[in-house]
Amino acid sequence: MSVAPLQRTASSSHRGSIEVATLVALYAVYELVRGQGHATVATARAHTDWVVHLERRFHIFGERAVQHAADAVPAAPTVLGIAYIALHFVGTTAFLVWLYRRHPERFALVRNTLIAATGIALSLYVLFPVAPPRLAALGFVDTVSHSAKVNLSSDLLGSLYNPFAAVPSLHFGYALLVGVTLATVAQRPLVRVLGALYPAVMLFVIVATGNHFFFDAAGGGLAIGAGYVIAKWVAGAKREPRTRLAAGSAAVTC
């Protein structure tokens, strides 16, 4: 069975309603699959200990200092807790809508990058469950639950997501893709600057709220990088037959 029709579909933009329905369906599948993890707390914390050991070896274990500094600023924990939830969902959605309307020629590549990176992340969540700092018994505060009043460990939310899906951090991975895209395609200088700063802001948010280590963010960046390579391959696979056809036509006419 030829995969050419699938490649053509994947490497093109479609009507807004179709794109929205596709992304919503894919996100539902993502949450369903992510929630199927059955790792024990002991296993997840053992992997967290490995992450912490690695960061200490390279002298980058500074997440507790970042959180303590943020907690010392009045109202900062509440703002950061809300930002952790809002930026990931609202920010990414708003970006995709903007990209689809202003730069539709870039949309398919970004969409496919997100899909591929998310698939990679899901595989790693199953193979390498890691407890986030707030659940690792290392002295971190659950900022989102305590300050933003959204209990991430409640029975309701716990049934919708895998609490040990920390590596890679798609919060940072998505933010990196959003930021790089804005910085490279936006026409307004202010938007480009905001795009360049966005990944750093998200890194601070996920660390200061006790949801991710620096290692997790690095993993998110690598997942997005791999997703981009896959998306470029899909786009190239669509163009290759046309290139060969054009070359063949030129050879005939010479």
C-alpha atoms as a PDB file:
ATOM      1  CA  MET A   1       0.000   0.000   0.000  1.00  0.00           C
ATOM      2  CA  SER A   2       1.409   3.383  -1.006  1.00  0.00           C
ATOM      3  CA  VAL A   3       2.044   5.924   1.723  1.00  0.00           C
ATOM      4  CA  ALA A   4       2.113   8.825  -0.739  1.00  0.00           C
ATOM      5  CA  PRO A   5      -1.520   9.905  -0.110  1.00  0.00           C
ATOM      6  CA  LEU A   6      -0.893   9.904   3.653  1.00  0.00           C
ATOM      7  CA  GLN A   7       2.283  11.935   3.197  1.00  0.00           C
ATOM      8  CA  ARG A   8       0.461  14.458   1.011  1.00  0.00           C
ATOM      9  CA  THR A   9      -2.281  14.803   3.624  1.00  0.00           C
ATOM     10  CA  ALA A  10       0.165  15.144   6.513  1.00  0.00           C
ATOM     11  CA  SER A  11       2.319  17.727   4.788  1.00  0.00           C
ATOM     12  CA  SER A  12      -0.528  20.082   3.883  1.00  0.00           C
ATOM     13  CA  SER A  13      -2.759  22.467   5.793  1.00  0.00           C
ATOM     14  CA  HIS A  14      -6.517  21.897   5.767  1.00  0.00           C
ATOM     15  CA  ARG A  15      -9.664  23.786   6.683  1.00  0.00           C
ATOM     16  CA  GLY A  16      -9.622  25.269  10.156  1.00  0.00           C
ATOM     17  CA  SER A  17     -12.414  23.005  11.405  1.00  0.00           C
ATOM     18  CA  ILE A  18     -10.509  19.928  10.247  1.00  0.00           C
ATOM     19  CA  GLU A  19      -7.273  21.098  11.864  1.00  0.00           C
ATOM     20  CA  VAL A  20      -9.048  21.830  15.155  1.00  0.00           C
ATOM     21  CA  ALA A  21     -10.843  18.481  15.175  1.00  0.00           C
ATOM     22  CA  THR A  22      -7.610  16.662  14.354  1.00  0.00           C
ATOM     23  CA  LEU A  23      -5.599  18.348  17.086  1.00  0.00           C
ATOM     24  CA  VAL A  24      -8.353  17.880  19.677  1.00  0.00           C
ATOM     25  CA  ALA A  25      -8.629  14.195  18.800  1.00  0.00           C
ATOM     26  CA  LEU A  26      -4.873  13.737  18.927  1.00  0.00           C
ATOM     27  CA  TYR A  27      -4.674  15.490  22.287  1.00  0.00           C
ATOM     28  CA  ALA A  28      -7.428  13.233  23.631  1.00  0.00           C
ATOM     29  CA  VAL A  29      -5.462  10.192  22.475  1.00  0.00           C
ATOM     30  CA  TYR A  30      -2.337  11.685  24.055  1.00  0.00           C
ATOM     31  CA  GLU A  31      -4.017  12.106  27.439  1.00  0.00           C
ATOM     32  CA  LEU A  32      -5.555   8.629  27.227  1.00  0.00           C
ATOM     33  CA  VAL A  33      -2.254   6.959  26.440  1.00  0.00           C
ATOM     34  CA  ARG A  34      -0.311   9.049  28.931  1.00  0.00           C
ATOM     35  CA  GLY A  35      -2.773   8.117  31.649  1.00  0.00           C
ATOM     36  CA  GLN A  36      -2.162   4.404  31.108  1.00  0.00           C
ATOM     37  CA  GLY A  37       1.168   4.469  32.890  1.00  0.00           C
ATOM     38  CA  HIS A  38       1.320   2.043  35.813  1.00  0.00           C
ATOM     39  CA  ALA A  39       4.713   2.901  37.282  1.00  0.00           C
ATOM     40  CA  THR A  40       5.074   2.687  41.025  1.00  0.00           C
ATOM     41  CA  VAL A  41       6.133   5.621  43.146  1.00  0.00           C
ATOM     42  CA  ALA A  42       9.303   3.741  44.081  1.00  0.00           C
ATOM     43  CA  THR A  43      10.285   3.227  40.434  1.00  0.00           C
ATOM     44  CA  ALA A  44       9.523   6.816  39.470  1.00  0.00           C
ATOM     45  CA  ARG A  45      11.485   8.203  42.422  1.00  0.00           C
ATOM     46  CA  ALA A  46      14.414   5.911  41.653  1.00  0.00           C
ATOM     47  CA  HIS A  47      14.552   7.427  38.179  1.00  0.00           C
ATOM     48  CA  THR A  48      14.295  10.888  39.714  1.00  0.00           C
ATOM     49  CA  ASP A  49      17.266  10.082  41.929  1.00  0.00           C
ATOM     50  CA  TRP A  50      19.217   9.201  38.784  1.00  0.00           C
ATOM     51  CA  VAL A  51      18.263  12.543  37.219  1.00  0.00           C
ATOM     52  CA  VAL A  52      19.335  14.443  40.340  1.00  0.00           C
ATOM     53  CA  HIS A  53      22.608  12.508  40.499  1.00  0.00           C
ATOM     54  CA  LEU A  54      23.322  13.393  36.882  1.00  0.00           C
ATOM     55  CA  GLU A  55      22.566  17.083  37.432  1.00  0.00           C
ATOM     56  CA  ARG A  56      24.775  17.182  40.527  1.00  0.00           C
ATOM     57  CA  ARG A  57      27.575  15.535  38.607  1.00  0.00           C
ATOM     58  CA  PHE A  58      27.451  18.350  36.063  1.00  0.00           C
ATOM     59  CA  HIS A  59      26.830  21.005  38.756  1.00  0.00           C
ATOM     60  CA  ILE A  60      23.427  22.128  37.432  1.00  0.00           C
ATOM     61  CA  PHE A  61      21.190  20.958  40.269  1.00  0.00           C
ATOM     62  CA  GLY A  62      19.791  24.339  41.235  1.00  0.00           C
ATOM     63  CA  GLU A  63      16.039  23.819  41.033  1.00  0.00           C
ATOM     64  CA  ARG A  64      15.431  24.208  44.759  1.00  0.00           C
ATOM     65  CA  ALA A  65      17.274  27.523  44.793  1.00  0.00           C
ATOM     66  CA  VAL A  66      15.123  28.735  41.883  1.00  0.00           C
ATOM     67  CA  GLN A  67      11.929  27.765  43.685  1.00  0.00           C
ATOM     68  CA  HIS A  68      13.030  29.325  46.974  1.00  0.00           C
ATOM     69  CA  ALA A  69      13.883  32.578  45.197  1.00  0.00           C
ATOM     70  CA  ALA A  70      10.474  32.643  43.493  1.00  0.00           C
ATOM     71  CA  ASP A  71       8.651  31.869  46.743  1.00  0.00           C
ATOM     72  CA  ALA A  72      10.320  34.860  48.387  1.00  0.00           C
ATOM     73  CA  VAL A  73       8.534  37.264  46.006  1.00  0.00           C
ATOM     74  CA  PRO A  74       4.994  38.193  47.137  1.00  0.00           C
ATOM     75  CA  ALA A  75       2.270  36.724  44.902  1.00  0.00           C
ATOM     76  CA  ALA A  76       4.842  35.101  42.622  1.00  0.00           C
ATOM     77  CA  PRO A  77       3.877  31.506  43.493  1.00  0.00           C
ATOM     78  CA  THR A  78       0.242  32.163  42.583  1.00  0.00           C
ATOM     79  CA  VAL A  79       1.161  33.853  39.313  1.00  0.00           C
ATOM     80  CA  LEU A  80       3.588  31.072  38.421  1.00  0.00           C
ATOM     81  CA  GLY A  81       1.058  28.373  39.286  1.00  0.00           C
ATOM     82  CA  ILE A  82      -1.531  29.933  36.995  1.00  0.00           C
ATOM     83  CA  ALA A  83       1.093  30.475  34.289  1.00  0.00           C
ATOM     84  CA  TYR A  84       2.072  26.798  34.419  1.00  0.00           C
ATOM     85  CA  ILE A  85      -1.434  25.805  33.376  1.00  0.00           C
ATOM     86  CA  ALA A  86      -2.420  28.747  31.170  1.00  0.00           C
ATOM     87  CA  LEU A  87       0.724  29.176  29.086  1.00  0.00           C
ATOM     88  CA  HIS A  88       0.890  25.555  28.025  1.00  0.00           C
ATOM     89  CA  PHE A  89      -2.717  25.247  26.913  1.00  0.00           C
ATOM     90  CA  VAL A  90      -3.906  28.762  26.097  1.00  0.00           C
ATOM     91  CA  GLY A  91      -0.550  29.988  24.829  1.00  0.00           C
ATOM     92  CA  THR A  92       0.035  27.027  22.515  1.00  0.00           C
ATOM     93  CA  THR A  93      -3.530  27.153  21.199  1.00  0.00           C
ATOM     94  CA  ALA A  94      -3.375  30.889  20.535  1.00  0.00           C
ATOM     95  CA  PHE A  95      -0.058  30.426  18.738  1.00  0.00           C
ATOM     96  CA  LEU A  96      -1.451  27.705  16.481  1.00  0.00           C
ATOM     97  CA  VAL A  97      -4.461  29.853  15.579  1.00  0.00           C
ATOM     98  CA  TRP A  98      -2.172  32.814  14.809  1.00  0.00           C
ATOM     99  CA  LEU A  99       0.156  30.675  12.712  1.00  0.00           C
ATOM    100  CA  TYR A 100      -2.702  29.136  10.751  1.00  0.00           C
ATOM    101  CA  ARG A 101      -4.177  32.541   9.922  1.00  0.00           C
ATOM    102  CA  ARG A 102      -0.989  34.555   9.352  1.00  0.00           C
ATOM    103  CA  HIS A 103       1.475  31.972   8.046  1.00  0.00           C
ATOM    104  CA  PRO A 104      -0.484  28.981   6.715  1.00  0.00           C
ATOM    105  CA  GLU A 105       2.528  27.848   4.682  1.00  0.00           C
ATOM    106  CA  ARG A 106       4.339  27.100   7.966  1.00  0.00           C
ATOM    107  CA  PHE A 107       1.423  25.468   9.773  1.00  0.00           C
ATOM    108  CA  ALA A 108       1.777  21.889   8.504  1.00  0.00           C
ATOM    109  CA  LEU A 109       5.455  21.717   9.484  1.00  0.00           C
ATOM    110  CA  VAL A 110       4.776  23.018  12.998  1.00  0.00           C
ATOM    111  CA  ARG A 111       1.722  20.789  13.438  1.00  0.00           C
ATOM    112  CA  ASN A 112       3.640  17.697  12.358  1.00  0.00           C
ATOM    113  CA  THR A 113       6.539  18.630  14.635  1.00  0.00           C
ATOM    114  CA  LEU A 114       4.155  18.793  17.596  1.00  0.00           C
ATOM    115  CA  ILE A 115       2.576  15.464  16.707  1.00  0.00           C
ATOM    116  CA  ALA A 116       5.885  13.661  16.219  1.00  0.00           C
ATOM    117  CA  ALA A 117       7.427  15.115  19.383  1.00  0.00           C
ATOM    118  CA  THR A 118       4.356  14.166  21.398  1.00  0.00           C
ATOM    119  CA  GLY A 119       4.553  10.602  20.118  1.00  0.00           C
ATOM    120  CA  ILE A 120       8.198  10.412  21.144  1.00  0.00           C
ATOM    121  CA  ALA A 121       7.345  11.793  24.582  1.00  0.00           C
ATOM    122  CA  LEU A 122       4.575   9.229  25.103  1.00  0.00           C
ATOM    123  CA  SER A 123       6.999   6.398  24.431  1.00  0.00           C
ATOM    124  CA  LEU A 124       9.484   7.777  26.949  1.00  0.00           C
ATOM    125  CA  TYR A 125       6.791   8.273  29.597  1.00  0.00           C
ATOM    126  CA  VAL A 126       6.101   4.546  29.442  1.00  0.00           C
ATOM    127  CA  LEU A 127       9.737   3.439  29.250  1.00  0.00           C
ATOM    128  CA  PHE A 128      11.195   5.888  31.761  1.00  0.00           C
ATOM    129  CA  PRO A 129       8.648   7.135  34.338  1.00  0.00           C
ATOM    130  CA  VAL A 130      10.059   9.941  36.463  1.00  0.00           C
ATOM    131  CA  ALA A 131       8.542  11.644  39.486  1.00  0.00           C
ATOM    132  CA  PRO A 132       8.512  15.439  39.134  1.00  0.00           C
ATOM    133  CA  PRO A 133      10.291  17.453  41.837  1.00  0.00           C
ATOM    134  CA  ARG A 134       7.032  18.113  43.704  1.00  0.00           C
ATOM    135  CA  LEU A 135       6.474  14.344  44.114  1.00  0.00           C
ATOM    136  CA  ALA A 136      10.077  13.295  44.663  1.00  0.00           C
ATOM    137  CA  ALA A 137      10.289  13.926  48.424  1.00  0.00           C
ATOM    138  CA  LEU A 138      13.237  16.261  47.897  1.00  0.00           C
ATOM    139  CA  GLY A 139      11.890  19.327  49.649  1.00  0.00           C
ATOM    140  CA  PHE A 140      10.074  20.926  46.722  1.00  0.00           C
ATOM    141  CA  VAL A 141       6.719  22.675  47.081  1.00  0.00           C
ATOM    142  CA  ASP A 142       3.763  21.861  44.813  1.00  0.00           C
ATOM    143  CA  THR A 143       3.225  25.485  43.803  1.00  0.00           C
ATOM    144  CA  VAL A 144       0.277  24.818  41.492  1.00  0.00           C
ATOM    145  CA  SER A 145      -1.681  22.981  44.195  1.00  0.00           C
ATOM    146  CA  HIS A 146      -0.729  25.205  47.125  1.00  0.00           C
ATOM    147  CA  SER A 147      -0.802  28.646  45.505  1.00  0.00           C
ATOM    148  CA  ALA A 148      -2.913  28.369  42.357  1.00  0.00           C
ATOM    149  CA  LYS A 149      -5.399  26.086  44.164  1.00  0.00           C
ATOM    150  CA  VAL A 150      -5.396  23.450  41.410  1.00  0.00           C
ATOM    151  CA  ASN A 151      -4.672  20.118  43.046  1.00  0.00           C
ATOM    152  CA  LEU A 152      -2.639  18.201  40.489  1.00  0.00           C
ATOM    153  CA  SER A 153      -2.681  15.159  42.772  1.00  0.00           C
ATOM    154  CA  SER A 154      -6.459  15.015  43.191  1.00  0.00           C
ATOM    155  CA  ASP A 155      -8.357  11.863  42.243  1.00  0.00           C
ATOM    156  CA  LEU A 156     -10.039  13.681  39.343  1.00  0.00           C
ATOM    157  CA  LEU A 157      -6.887  15.084  37.747  1.00  0.00           C
ATOM    158  CA  GLY A 158      -4.945  11.979  38.650  1.00  0.00           C
ATOM    159  CA  SER A 159      -7.362   9.942  36.549  1.00  0.00           C
ATOM    160  CA  LEU A 160      -6.735  12.178  33.523  1.00  0.00           C
ATOM    161  CA  TYR A 161      -2.961  12.224  33.430  1.00  0.00           C
ATOM    162  CA  ASN A 162       0.127  10.303  34.450  1.00  0.00           C
ATOM    163  CA  PRO A 163       1.854  12.113  37.348  1.00  0.00           C
ATOM    164  CA  PHE A 164       5.146  10.441  36.429  1.00  0.00           C
ATOM    165  CA  ALA A 165       5.202  11.745  32.842  1.00  0.00           C
ATOM    166  CA  ALA A 166       7.966  14.246  33.553  1.00  0.00           C
ATOM    167  CA  VAL A 167      10.694  13.368  31.042  1.00  0.00           C
ATOM    168  CA  PRO A 168      10.662  14.920  28.538  1.00  0.00           C
ATOM    169  CA  SER A 169       8.932  18.166  29.483  1.00  0.00           C
ATOM    170  CA  LEU A 170       6.487  19.013  26.712  1.00  0.00           C
ATOM    171  CA  HIS A 171       5.741  22.254  28.539  1.00  0.00           C
ATOM    172  CA  PHE A 172       9.245  23.349  27.604  1.00  0.00           C
ATOM    173  CA  GLY A 173       9.323  21.510  24.284  1.00  0.00           C
ATOM    174  CA  TYR A 174       6.146  23.187  23.038  1.00  0.00           C
ATOM    175  CA  ALA A 175       7.370  26.556  24.329  1.00  0.00           C
ATOM    176  CA  LEU A 176      10.640  26.114  22.451  1.00  0.00           C
ATOM    177  CA  LEU A 177       8.811  25.433  19.198  1.00  0.00           C
ATOM    178  CA  VAL A 178       6.442  28.357  19.754  1.00  0.00           C
ATOM    179  CA  GLY A 179       9.266  30.704  20.647  1.00  0.00           C
ATOM    180  CA  VAL A 180      11.570  29.782  17.778  1.00  0.00           C
ATOM    181  CA  THR A 181       8.713  30.015  15.269  1.00  0.00           C
ATOM    182  CA  LEU A 182       7.618  33.432  16.516  1.00  0.00           C
ATOM    183  CA  ALA A 183      11.186  34.699  16.559  1.00  0.00           C
ATOM    184  CA  THR A 184      11.766  33.635  12.963  1.00  0.00           C
ATOM    185  CA  VAL A 185       8.474  34.294  11.156  1.00  0.00           C
ATOM    186  CA  ALA A 186       6.764  37.165  13.013  1.00  0.00           C
ATOM    187  CA  GLN A 187       6.966  40.542  11.292  1.00  0.00           C
ATOM    188  CA  ARG A 188       6.711  42.766  14.352  1.00  0.00           C
ATOM    189  CA  PRO A 189       9.988  43.169  16.283  1.00  0.00           C
ATOM    190  CA  LEU A 190       8.181  43.041  19.630  1.00  0.00           C
ATOM    191  CA  VAL A 191       6.587  39.693  18.777  1.00  0.00           C
ATOM    192  CA  ARG A 192       9.959  38.319  17.694  1.00  0.00           C
ATOM    193  CA  VAL A 193      11.524  39.422  20.977  1.00  0.00           C
ATOM    194  CA  LEU A 194       8.683  37.882  22.982  1.00  0.00           C
ATOM    195  CA  GLY A 195       9.116  34.672  21.029  1.00  0.00           C
ATOM    196  CA  ALA A 196      12.829  34.574  21.788  1.00  0.00           C
ATOM    197  CA  LEU A 197      12.122  35.060  25.507  1.00  0.00           C
ATOM    198  CA  TYR A 198       9.207  32.632  25.759  1.00  0.00           C
ATOM    199  CA  PRO A 199      11.204  29.389  26.188  1.00  0.00           C
ATOM    200  CA  ALA A 200      13.250  30.953  28.995  1.00  0.00           C
ATOM    201  CA  VAL A 201      10.068  32.131  30.717  1.00  0.00           C
ATOM    202  CA  MET A 202       8.564  28.657  30.469  1.00  0.00           C
ATOM    203  CA  LEU A 203      11.756  27.100  31.830  1.00  0.00           C
ATOM    204  CA  PHE A 204      11.564  29.363  34.866  1.00  0.00           C
ATOM    205  CA  VAL A 205       7.859  28.564  35.354  1.00  0.00           C
ATOM    206  CA  ILE A 206       8.217  24.778  35.236  1.00  0.00           C
ATOM    207  CA  VAL A 207      11.233  24.791  37.557  1.00  0.00           C
ATOM    208  CA  ALA A 208       9.922  27.368  40.037  1.00  0.00           C
ATOM    209  CA  THR A 209       6.615  25.498  40.412  1.00  0.00           C
ATOM    210  CA  GLY A 210       8.376  22.222  41.200  1.00  0.00           C
ATOM    211  CA  ASN A 211       7.104  20.417  38.121  1.00  0.00           C
ATOM    212  CA  HIS A 212      10.309  19.770  36.201  1.00  0.00           C
ATOM    213  CA  PHE A 213      14.071  19.561  36.470  1.00  0.00           C
ATOM    214  CA  PHE A 214      16.438  21.178  33.992  1.00  0.00           C
ATOM    215  CA  PHE A 215      17.066  17.666  32.667  1.00  0.00           C
ATOM    216  CA  ASP A 216      13.374  17.343  31.788  1.00  0.00           C
ATOM    217  CA  ALA A 217      13.492  20.591  29.828  1.00  0.00           C
ATOM    218  CA  ALA A 218      16.535  19.411  27.895  1.00  0.00           C
ATOM    219  CA  GLY A 219      14.625  16.252  27.046  1.00  0.00           C
ATOM    220  CA  GLY A 220      11.709  18.350  25.819  1.00  0.00           C
ATOM    221  CA  GLY A 221      14.017  20.305  23.563  1.00  0.00           C
ATOM    222  CA  LEU A 222      15.478  17.099  22.125  1.00  0.00           C
ATOM    223  CA  ALA A 223      11.979  15.684  21.540  1.00  0.00           C
ATOM    224  CA  ILE A 224      10.993  18.800  19.607  1.00  0.00           C
ATOM    225  CA  GLY A 225      14.229  18.626  17.636  1.00  0.00           C
ATOM    226  CA  ALA A 226      13.567  15.005  16.696  1.00  0.00           C
ATOM    227  CA  GLY A 227       9.960  15.868  15.871  1.00  0.00           C
ATOM    228  CA  TYR A 228      11.154  18.635  13.567  1.00  0.00           C
ATOM    229  CA  VAL A 229      13.459  16.237  11.717  1.00  0.00           C
ATOM    230  CA  ILE A 230      10.552  13.830  11.213  1.00  0.00           C
ATOM    231  CA  ALA A 231       8.267  16.652  10.056  1.00  0.00           C
ATOM    232  CA  LYS A 232      10.881  17.842   7.561  1.00  0.00           C
ATOM    233  CA  TRP A 233      11.207  14.296   6.257  1.00  0.00           C
ATOM    234  CA  VAL A 234       7.442  14.136   5.716  1.00  0.00           C
ATOM    235  CA  ALA A 235       7.529  17.450   3.859  1.00  0.00           C
ATOM    236  CA  GLY A 236      10.499  16.307   1.769  1.00  0.00           C
ATOM    237  CA  ALA A 237       8.827  12.994   0.933  1.00  0.00           C
ATOM    238  CA  LYS A 238       5.936  14.960  -0.557  1.00  0.00           C
ATOM    239  CA  ARG A 239       8.168  17.095  -2.755  1.00  0.00           C
ATOM    240  CA  GLU A 240      10.506  14.342  -3.934  1.00  0.00           C
ATOM    241  CA  PRO A 241       8.136  12.698  -6.476  1.00  0.00           C
ATOM    242  CA  ARG A 242       7.425  16.095  -8.058  1.00  0.00           C
ATOM    243  CA  THR A 243      11.151  16.816  -8.252  1.00  0.00           C
ATOM    244  CA  ARG A 244      11.796  13.523  -9.999  1.00  0.00           C
ATOM    245  CA  LEU A 245       8.910  14.146 -12.404  1.00  0.00           C
ATOM    246  CA  ALA A 246      10.252  17.600 -13.258  1.00  0.00           C
ATOM    247  CA  ALA A 247      13.732  16.186 -13.796  1.00  0.00           C
ATOM    248  CA  GLY A 248      12.328  13.492 -16.069  1.00  0.00           C
ATOM    249  CA  SER A 249      10.374  16.042 -18.113  1.00  0.00           C
ATOM    250  CA  ALA A 250      13.472  18.185 -18.514  1.00  0.00           C
ATOM    251  CA  ALA A 251      15.450  15.196 -19.730  1.00  0.00           C
ATOM    252  CA  VAL A 252      12.829  14.388 -22.350  1.00  0.00           C
ATOM    253  CA  THR A 253      12.700  17.915 -23.702  1.00  0.00           C
ATOM    254  CA  CYS A 254      16.474  18.289 -23.947  1.00  0.00           C
END
